[in-house]
Amino acid sequence: MRLSLATAALCVAVPLLSVATPASAAGFSCPWKPIADGKQAANVEKLLPTGDAFDDIAQLNAAVYALRQQGTPETLVIDSLVAAYCPVVASNTALTDAQKSARVMRFAARVMRTVYSLDNADAIILDVPLRPTLVEAARAKAKAAGISVEAWIAGLVEAQANR
């Protein structure tokens, strides 16, 4: 059974939201573990990136691809990567609990997009950081054109690539 993107987002977001609540006296923690049996969990863990490798999109794609080649379900790939990344963020003492929660949620969203984009060779999603002023300008131009900001950006990239 394949989950819709919305269902998968809820599966990822609900555990994270419970971690991110400000009322938590213990502060930021990573209380969940991937849902897998012992052998499958061990196979998954061998393929996961570690430390800074989580921020390397090529290594993240390679881990997702390897897990999918093993037949690991999408939800377990997402859950495993988020569960492995969370302690990396939790150990960063320079971040506040809110910053840690935000970082894990951003990573979870990126992993979800990566897992499902690798499932469809027709669409590859690039995760490109943009300055807020640039994003606002893009939104305004897209709105004026009557299209989504994603469609507007994709049109620009396609036009430049075909030059």
N, C-alpha and C. Protein backbone atom coordinates (compact mmCIF):
# COMPACT_ATOMS: atom_id res chain seq x y z
N MET A 1 0.84 -1.18 0.00
CA MET A 1 0.00 0.00 0.00
C MET A 1 0.88 1.24 0.00
N ARG A 2 0.58 2.19 -0.84
CA ARG A 2 1.36 3.41 -0.94
C ARG A 2 0.59 4.56 -0.31
N LEU A 3 1.24 5.31 0.54
CA LEU A 3 0.60 6.45 1.18
C LEU A 3 0.64 7.65 0.26
N SER A 4 -0.39 8.49 0.35
CA SER A 4 -0.36 9.74 -0.40
C SER A 4 0.67 10.65 0.24
N LEU A 5 1.09 11.67 -0.49
CA LEU A 5 2.06 12.62 0.04
C LEU A 5 1.53 13.29 1.30
N ALA A 6 0.24 13.62 1.31
CA ALA A 6 -0.35 14.26 2.49
C ALA A 6 -0.31 13.33 3.69
N THR A 7 -0.62 12.05 3.49
CA THR A 7 -0.59 11.09 4.59
C THR A 7 0.84 10.92 5.09
N ALA A 8 1.78 10.83 4.16
CA ALA A 8 3.17 10.68 4.56
C ALA A 8 3.64 11.90 5.33
N ALA A 9 3.21 13.08 4.92
CA ALA A 9 3.59 14.31 5.63
C ALA A 9 3.07 14.27 7.05
N LEU A 10 1.85 13.79 7.23
CA LEU A 10 1.31 13.69 8.57
C LEU A 10 2.07 12.68 9.40
N CYS A 11 2.45 11.57 8.78
CA CYS A 11 3.21 10.54 9.49
C CYS A 11 4.54 11.09 9.99
N VAL A 12 5.14 11.97 9.21
CA VAL A 12 6.42 12.56 9.59
C VAL A 12 6.21 13.70 10.58
N ALA A 13 5.20 14.54 10.34
CA ALA A 13 5.03 15.76 11.13
C ALA A 13 4.49 15.50 12.53
N VAL A 14 3.60 14.54 12.70
CA VAL A 14 2.99 14.33 14.00
C VAL A 14 4.03 14.00 15.08
N PRO A 15 4.94 13.04 14.84
CA PRO A 15 5.95 12.79 15.88
C PRO A 15 6.84 14.00 16.11
N LEU A 16 7.15 14.74 15.06
CA LEU A 16 8.02 15.90 15.21
C LEU A 16 7.34 17.00 16.02
N LEU A 17 6.05 17.19 15.80
CA LEU A 17 5.33 18.22 16.53
C LEU A 17 5.32 17.94 18.01
N SER A 18 5.24 16.67 18.38
CA SER A 18 5.25 16.36 19.80
C SER A 18 6.62 16.67 20.40
N VAL A 19 7.66 16.59 19.61
CA VAL A 19 9.00 16.92 20.08
C VAL A 19 9.16 18.43 20.21
N ALA A 20 8.50 19.17 19.33
CA ALA A 20 8.74 20.60 19.23
C ALA A 20 7.90 21.45 20.18
N THR A 21 7.07 20.84 21.01
CA THR A 21 6.21 21.64 21.86
C THR A 21 7.02 22.39 22.90
N PRO A 22 6.75 23.70 23.07
CA PRO A 22 7.52 24.49 24.02
C PRO A 22 7.25 24.11 25.46
N ALA A 23 6.16 23.41 25.74
CA ALA A 23 5.84 23.06 27.11
C ALA A 23 6.70 21.92 27.63
N SER A 24 7.47 21.32 26.76
CA SER A 24 8.30 20.18 27.16
C SER A 24 9.40 20.65 28.11
N ALA A 25 9.36 20.14 29.33
CA ALA A 25 10.34 20.55 30.33
C ALA A 25 11.71 19.95 30.04
N ALA A 26 11.74 18.82 29.38
CA ALA A 26 13.01 18.14 29.12
C ALA A 26 13.76 18.74 27.95
N GLY A 27 13.13 19.63 27.19
CA GLY A 27 13.79 20.22 26.03
C GLY A 27 13.69 19.30 24.83
N PHE A 28 14.49 19.59 23.83
CA PHE A 28 14.45 18.85 22.58
C PHE A 28 14.95 17.43 22.78
N SER A 29 14.22 16.48 22.21
CA SER A 29 14.67 15.09 22.28
C SER A 29 14.21 14.36 21.02
N CYS A 30 14.73 13.17 20.84
CA CYS A 30 14.40 12.35 19.68
C CYS A 30 13.82 11.03 20.19
N PRO A 31 12.55 11.01 20.57
CA PRO A 31 12.00 9.83 21.24
C PRO A 31 11.56 8.68 20.34
N TRP A 32 11.47 8.88 19.03
CA TRP A 32 10.95 7.81 18.18
C TRP A 32 12.07 7.05 17.51
N LYS A 33 11.75 5.86 17.13
CA LYS A 33 12.68 4.98 16.41
C LYS A 33 11.98 4.50 15.15
N PRO A 34 12.73 4.14 14.12
CA PRO A 34 12.10 3.62 12.90
C PRO A 34 11.33 2.34 13.20
N ILE A 35 10.26 2.14 12.45
CA ILE A 35 9.44 0.95 12.61
C ILE A 35 10.03 -0.12 11.70
N ALA A 36 10.78 -1.05 12.27
CA ALA A 36 11.39 -2.12 11.47
C ALA A 36 11.77 -3.26 12.41
N ASP A 37 11.86 -4.46 11.86
CA ASP A 37 12.31 -5.58 12.67
C ASP A 37 13.83 -5.51 12.80
N GLY A 38 14.41 -6.37 13.60
CA GLY A 38 15.85 -6.31 13.87
C GLY A 38 16.73 -6.38 12.64
N LYS A 39 16.51 -7.36 11.75
CA LYS A 39 17.34 -7.52 10.56
C LYS A 39 17.15 -6.34 9.61
N GLN A 40 15.89 -5.96 9.36
CA GLN A 40 15.63 -4.85 8.44
C GLN A 40 16.21 -3.56 9.01
N ALA A 41 16.07 -3.34 10.32
CA ALA A 41 16.62 -2.14 10.94
C ALA A 41 18.13 -2.09 10.79
N ALA A 42 18.81 -3.22 10.94
CA ALA A 42 20.26 -3.27 10.79
C ALA A 42 20.66 -2.97 9.35
N ASN A 43 19.93 -3.51 8.38
CA ASN A 43 20.23 -3.25 6.97
C ASN A 43 20.02 -1.78 6.63
N VAL A 44 18.98 -1.20 7.17
CA VAL A 44 18.69 0.22 6.93
C VAL A 44 19.79 1.07 7.54
N GLU A 45 20.17 0.78 8.77
CA GLU A 45 21.16 1.59 9.47
C GLU A 45 22.50 1.63 8.74
N LYS A 46 22.90 0.52 8.11
CA LYS A 46 24.17 0.47 7.36
C LYS A 46 24.18 1.46 6.20
N LEU A 47 23.02 1.76 5.66
CA LEU A 47 22.94 2.60 4.46
C LEU A 47 22.72 4.08 4.76
N LEU A 48 22.50 4.41 6.02
CA LEU A 48 22.20 5.80 6.36
C LEU A 48 23.45 6.66 6.38
N PRO A 49 23.33 7.91 5.92
CA PRO A 49 24.47 8.83 6.06
C PRO A 49 24.65 9.17 7.55
N THR A 50 25.78 9.74 7.88
CA THR A 50 26.03 10.16 9.26
C THR A 50 26.53 11.59 9.28
N GLY A 51 26.36 12.25 10.42
CA GLY A 51 26.89 13.60 10.62
C GLY A 51 26.53 14.56 9.52
N ASP A 52 27.53 15.26 8.99
CA ASP A 52 27.32 16.26 7.96
C ASP A 52 26.84 15.68 6.64
N ALA A 53 26.97 14.37 6.46
CA ALA A 53 26.53 13.74 5.22
C ALA A 53 25.04 13.93 4.98
N PHE A 54 24.27 14.16 6.04
CA PHE A 54 22.84 14.39 5.88
C PHE A 54 22.58 15.64 5.05
N ASP A 55 23.50 16.60 5.10
CA ASP A 55 23.33 17.84 4.35
C ASP A 55 23.86 17.74 2.93
N ASP A 56 24.46 16.61 2.58
CA ASP A 56 24.97 16.39 1.23
C ASP A 56 23.89 15.68 0.43
N ILE A 57 23.25 16.41 -0.49
CA ILE A 57 22.11 15.86 -1.22
C ILE A 57 22.49 14.62 -2.02
N ALA A 58 23.72 14.54 -2.52
CA ALA A 58 24.14 13.36 -3.28
C ALA A 58 24.17 12.12 -2.38
N GLN A 59 24.70 12.28 -1.16
CA GLN A 59 24.74 11.14 -0.23
C GLN A 59 23.34 10.77 0.25
N LEU A 60 22.50 11.78 0.44
CA LEU A 60 21.13 11.52 0.85
C LEU A 60 20.40 10.76 -0.27
N ASN A 61 20.56 11.20 -1.52
CA ASN A 61 19.94 10.51 -2.65
C ASN A 61 20.45 9.08 -2.75
N ALA A 62 21.75 8.89 -2.54
CA ALA A 62 22.33 7.55 -2.62
C ALA A 62 21.75 6.64 -1.54
N ALA A 63 21.58 7.16 -0.33
CA ALA A 63 21.00 6.36 0.75
C ALA A 63 19.56 6.00 0.44
N VAL A 64 18.79 6.97 -0.04
CA VAL A 64 17.39 6.71 -0.39
C VAL A 64 17.32 5.67 -1.50
N TYR A 65 18.14 5.83 -2.52
CA TYR A 65 18.14 4.89 -3.65
C TYR A 65 18.50 3.48 -3.18
N ALA A 66 19.54 3.36 -2.36
CA ALA A 66 19.97 2.04 -1.87
C ALA A 66 18.88 1.40 -1.03
N LEU A 67 18.24 2.18 -0.17
CA LEU A 67 17.16 1.64 0.65
C LEU A 67 15.99 1.18 -0.21
N ARG A 68 15.66 1.97 -1.22
CA ARG A 68 14.54 1.62 -2.10
C ARG A 68 14.88 0.37 -2.91
N GLN A 69 16.15 0.22 -3.33
CA GLN A 69 16.58 -0.96 -4.08
C GLN A 69 16.43 -2.23 -3.24
N GLN A 70 16.56 -2.09 -1.93
CA GLN A 70 16.39 -3.22 -1.02
C GLN A 70 14.92 -3.56 -0.81
N GLY A 71 14.05 -2.72 -1.32
CA GLY A 71 12.62 -2.95 -1.13
C GLY A 71 12.08 -2.32 0.14
N THR A 72 12.85 -1.44 0.75
CA THR A 72 12.39 -0.76 1.97
C THR A 72 11.23 0.16 1.61
N PRO A 73 10.11 0.04 2.31
CA PRO A 73 8.96 0.90 2.01
C PRO A 73 9.29 2.38 2.21
N GLU A 74 8.63 3.24 1.42
CA GLU A 74 8.89 4.69 1.48
C GLU A 74 8.78 5.23 2.90
N THR A 75 7.74 4.81 3.62
CA THR A 75 7.53 5.34 4.97
C THR A 75 8.68 4.96 5.90
N LEU A 76 9.22 3.75 5.74
CA LEU A 76 10.34 3.33 6.57
C LEU A 76 11.62 4.08 6.19
N VAL A 77 11.79 4.36 4.91
CA VAL A 77 12.96 5.15 4.48
C VAL A 77 12.90 6.53 5.13
N ILE A 78 11.75 7.17 5.04
CA ILE A 78 11.58 8.51 5.61
C ILE A 78 11.79 8.46 7.11
N ASP A 79 11.11 7.54 7.77
CA ASP A 79 11.19 7.42 9.23
C ASP A 79 12.62 7.14 9.68
N SER A 80 13.30 6.26 8.97
CA SER A 80 14.68 5.90 9.35
C SER A 80 15.63 7.07 9.21
N LEU A 81 15.51 7.79 8.11
CA LEU A 81 16.41 8.93 7.89
C LEU A 81 16.16 10.04 8.91
N VAL A 82 14.90 10.31 9.20
CA VAL A 82 14.59 11.36 10.18
C VAL A 82 15.05 10.92 11.57
N ALA A 83 14.81 9.66 11.93
CA ALA A 83 15.23 9.15 13.23
C ALA A 83 16.75 9.17 13.38
N ALA A 84 17.48 8.95 12.29
CA ALA A 84 18.94 8.97 12.35
C ALA A 84 19.48 10.40 12.37
N TYR A 85 18.79 11.32 11.71
CA TYR A 85 19.24 12.71 11.64
C TYR A 85 18.98 13.46 12.95
N CYS A 86 17.88 13.16 13.60
CA CYS A 86 17.49 13.89 14.80
C CYS A 86 18.59 13.96 15.87
N PRO A 87 19.26 12.86 16.22
CA PRO A 87 20.33 12.95 17.23
C PRO A 87 21.50 13.84 16.80
N VAL A 88 21.74 13.92 15.49
CA VAL A 88 22.80 14.81 14.99
C VAL A 88 22.45 16.25 15.34
N VAL A 89 21.19 16.61 15.12
CA VAL A 89 20.72 17.97 15.42
C VAL A 89 20.65 18.17 16.93
N ALA A 90 20.16 17.17 17.65
CA ALA A 90 20.01 17.28 19.11
C ALA A 90 21.35 17.55 19.79
N SER A 91 22.42 17.03 19.22
CA SER A 91 23.75 17.22 19.84
C SER A 91 24.37 18.57 19.55
N ASN A 92 23.75 19.37 18.69
CA ASN A 92 24.28 20.69 18.34
C ASN A 92 23.88 21.69 19.42
N THR A 93 24.80 21.99 20.31
CA THR A 93 24.51 22.87 21.44
C THR A 93 24.39 24.34 21.05
N ALA A 94 24.75 24.69 19.84
CA ALA A 94 24.64 26.07 19.37
C ALA A 94 23.20 26.43 18.98
N LEU A 95 22.33 25.42 18.86
CA LEU A 95 20.96 25.66 18.43
C LEU A 95 20.00 25.64 19.62
N THR A 96 18.96 26.47 19.53
CA THR A 96 17.89 26.41 20.53
C THR A 96 16.99 25.22 20.21
N ASP A 97 16.11 24.87 21.15
CA ASP A 97 15.17 23.77 20.90
C ASP A 97 14.29 24.08 19.69
N ALA A 98 13.87 25.32 19.55
CA ALA A 98 13.03 25.71 18.41
C ALA A 98 13.80 25.57 17.10
N GLN A 99 15.07 25.95 17.10
CA GLN A 99 15.89 25.83 15.89
C GLN A 99 16.12 24.36 15.55
N LYS A 100 16.31 23.54 16.57
CA LYS A 100 16.49 22.10 16.34
C LYS A 100 15.23 21.50 15.74
N SER A 101 14.08 21.85 16.29
CA SER A 101 12.81 21.34 15.76
C SER A 101 12.62 21.78 14.32
N ALA A 102 12.91 23.04 14.04
CA ALA A 102 12.76 23.56 12.68
C ALA A 102 13.69 22.83 11.72
N ARG A 103 14.92 22.59 12.15
CA ARG A 103 15.89 21.91 11.29
C ARG A 103 15.46 20.48 11.00
N VAL A 104 14.97 19.77 12.01
CA VAL A 104 14.51 18.39 11.79
C VAL A 104 13.29 18.38 10.89
N MET A 105 12.38 19.32 11.06
CA MET A 105 11.19 19.38 10.19
C MET A 105 11.57 19.68 8.75
N ARG A 106 12.53 20.61 8.55
CA ARG A 106 12.99 20.91 7.18
C ARG A 106 13.62 19.67 6.55
N PHE A 107 14.42 18.96 7.35
CA PHE A 107 15.06 17.75 6.84
C PHE A 107 14.00 16.70 6.49
N ALA A 108 13.00 16.53 7.35
CA ALA A 108 11.94 15.56 7.10
C ALA A 108 11.22 15.89 5.80
N ALA A 109 10.96 17.17 5.57
CA ALA A 109 10.30 17.58 4.33
C ALA A 109 11.19 17.28 3.12
N ARG A 110 12.49 17.54 3.25
CA ARG A 110 13.43 17.27 2.15
C ARG A 110 13.50 15.77 1.87
N VAL A 111 13.56 14.96 2.93
CA VAL A 111 13.62 13.52 2.76
C VAL A 111 12.36 13.01 2.07
N MET A 112 11.22 13.52 2.50
CA MET A 112 9.96 13.08 1.90
C MET A 112 9.94 13.43 0.41
N ARG A 113 10.35 14.66 0.07
CA ARG A 113 10.40 15.04 -1.35
C ARG A 113 11.38 14.16 -2.12
N THR A 114 12.52 13.88 -1.52
CA THR A 114 13.53 13.05 -2.17
C THR A 114 13.02 11.64 -2.41
N VAL A 115 12.42 11.04 -1.39
CA VAL A 115 11.92 9.67 -1.50
C VAL A 115 10.89 9.58 -2.62
N TYR A 116 9.96 10.50 -2.65
CA TYR A 116 8.90 10.41 -3.65
C TYR A 116 9.35 10.91 -5.03
N SER A 117 10.32 11.81 -5.10
CA SER A 117 10.78 12.26 -6.42
C SER A 117 11.62 11.18 -7.09
N LEU A 118 12.36 10.40 -6.33
CA LEU A 118 13.15 9.32 -6.92
C LEU A 118 12.24 8.20 -7.40
N ASP A 119 11.00 8.22 -6.94
CA ASP A 119 10.02 7.23 -7.37
C ASP A 119 9.49 7.56 -8.76
N ASN A 120 9.64 8.82 -9.16
CA ASN A 120 9.08 9.28 -10.43
C ASN A 120 10.19 9.96 -11.22
N ALA A 121 10.71 9.29 -12.23
CA ALA A 121 11.82 9.84 -13.01
C ALA A 121 11.42 11.07 -13.80
N ASP A 122 10.12 11.34 -13.90
CA ASP A 122 9.66 12.52 -14.64
C ASP A 122 9.83 13.81 -13.85
N ALA A 123 10.00 13.70 -12.55
CA ALA A 123 10.10 14.90 -11.72
C ALA A 123 11.19 14.72 -10.68
N ILE A 124 12.19 15.56 -10.75
CA ILE A 124 13.26 15.56 -9.75
C ILE A 124 13.18 16.90 -9.05
N ILE A 125 13.11 16.86 -7.74
CA ILE A 125 12.96 18.09 -6.96
C ILE A 125 14.32 18.52 -6.45
N LEU A 126 14.68 19.76 -6.73
CA LEU A 126 15.93 20.32 -6.24
C LEU A 126 15.61 21.17 -5.01
N ASP A 127 16.42 21.06 -4.02
CA ASP A 127 16.24 21.82 -2.78
C ASP A 127 17.25 22.96 -2.82
N VAL A 128 16.79 24.16 -3.22
CA VAL A 128 17.68 25.29 -3.43
C VAL A 128 17.31 26.42 -2.47
N PRO A 129 18.22 26.80 -1.58
CA PRO A 129 17.92 27.91 -0.68
C PRO A 129 17.95 29.25 -1.42
N LEU A 130 16.96 30.10 -1.13
CA LEU A 130 16.88 31.42 -1.75
C LEU A 130 16.70 32.46 -0.65
N ARG A 131 17.22 33.66 -0.88
CA ARG A 131 17.03 34.76 0.06
C ARG A 131 15.54 35.09 0.14
N PRO A 132 15.04 35.48 1.31
CA PRO A 132 13.62 35.81 1.45
C PRO A 132 13.16 36.89 0.47
N THR A 133 13.99 37.88 0.19
CA THR A 133 13.58 38.93 -0.75
C THR A 133 13.41 38.37 -2.16
N LEU A 134 14.26 37.42 -2.53
CA LEU A 134 14.15 36.77 -3.84
C LEU A 134 12.89 35.92 -3.93
N VAL A 135 12.56 35.22 -2.85
CA VAL A 135 11.35 34.40 -2.82
C VAL A 135 10.12 35.29 -2.96
N GLU A 136 10.10 36.41 -2.26
CA GLU A 136 8.95 37.33 -2.35
C GLU A 136 8.82 37.90 -3.77
N ALA A 137 9.93 38.23 -4.40
CA ALA A 137 9.89 38.73 -5.77
C ALA A 137 9.36 37.65 -6.72
N ALA A 138 9.80 36.41 -6.53
CA ALA A 138 9.32 35.30 -7.36
C ALA A 138 7.83 35.08 -7.16
N ARG A 139 7.38 35.14 -5.91
CA ARG A 139 5.95 34.98 -5.63
C ARG A 139 5.13 36.06 -6.33
N ALA A 140 5.61 37.29 -6.28
CA ALA A 140 4.89 38.40 -6.91
C ALA A 140 4.81 38.20 -8.42
N LYS A 141 5.92 37.80 -9.04
CA LYS A 141 5.94 37.58 -10.50
C LYS A 141 5.02 36.41 -10.88
N ALA A 142 5.05 35.34 -10.08
CA ALA A 142 4.20 34.19 -10.35
C ALA A 142 2.73 34.56 -10.22
N LYS A 143 2.41 35.32 -9.19
CA LYS A 143 1.02 35.75 -8.98
C LYS A 143 0.55 36.60 -10.15
N ALA A 144 1.41 37.50 -10.61
CA ALA A 144 1.07 38.36 -11.74
C ALA A 144 0.84 37.52 -13.01
N ALA A 145 1.57 36.41 -13.13
CA ALA A 145 1.43 35.54 -14.29
C ALA A 145 0.27 34.55 -14.12
N GLY A 146 -0.30 34.50 -12.91
CA GLY A 146 -1.43 33.61 -12.65
C GLY A 146 -1.03 32.15 -12.51
N ILE A 147 0.21 31.90 -12.06
CA ILE A 147 0.68 30.53 -11.87
C ILE A 147 1.34 30.39 -10.51
N SER A 148 1.63 29.17 -10.11
CA SER A 148 2.30 28.95 -8.83
C SER A 148 3.76 29.40 -8.93
N VAL A 149 4.35 29.69 -7.79
CA VAL A 149 5.76 30.10 -7.79
C VAL A 149 6.64 28.95 -8.29
N GLU A 150 6.25 27.71 -7.98
CA GLU A 150 7.02 26.56 -8.45
C GLU A 150 7.00 26.47 -9.97
N ALA A 151 5.81 26.68 -10.54
CA ALA A 151 5.68 26.64 -12.01
C ALA A 151 6.46 27.79 -12.65
N TRP A 152 6.43 28.95 -12.02
CA TRP A 152 7.14 30.12 -12.55
C TRP A 152 8.65 29.85 -12.55
N ILE A 153 9.17 29.34 -11.44
CA ILE A 153 10.61 29.04 -11.35
C ILE A 153 10.99 27.94 -12.34
N ALA A 154 10.17 26.89 -12.43
CA ALA A 154 10.45 25.81 -13.37
C ALA A 154 10.50 26.34 -14.81
N GLY A 155 9.61 27.28 -15.13
CA GLY A 155 9.60 27.88 -16.46
C GLY A 155 10.88 28.64 -16.74
N LEU A 156 11.36 29.39 -15.76
CA LEU A 156 12.63 30.12 -15.92
C LEU A 156 13.80 29.17 -16.13
N VAL A 157 13.86 28.14 -15.32
CA VAL A 157 14.96 27.17 -15.44
C VAL A 157 14.91 26.49 -16.80
N GLU A 158 13.72 26.09 -17.23
CA GLU A 158 13.57 25.42 -18.53
C GLU A 158 13.99 26.36 -19.66
N ALA A 159 13.57 27.62 -19.60
CA ALA A 159 13.94 28.58 -20.64
C ALA A 159 15.46 28.78 -20.70
N GLN A 160 16.10 28.87 -19.54
CA GLN A 160 17.54 29.04 -19.51
C GLN A 160 18.28 27.80 -20.00
N ALA A 161 17.76 26.65 -19.65
CA ALA A 161 18.41 25.39 -20.05
C ALA A 161 18.29 25.16 -21.55
N ASN A 162 17.25 25.69 -22.15
CA ASN A 162 17.03 25.50 -23.60
C ASN A 162 17.67 26.60 -24.45
N ARG A 163 18.40 27.50 -23.87
CA ARG A 163 19.06 28.58 -24.62
C ARG A 163 20.25 28.08 -25.35
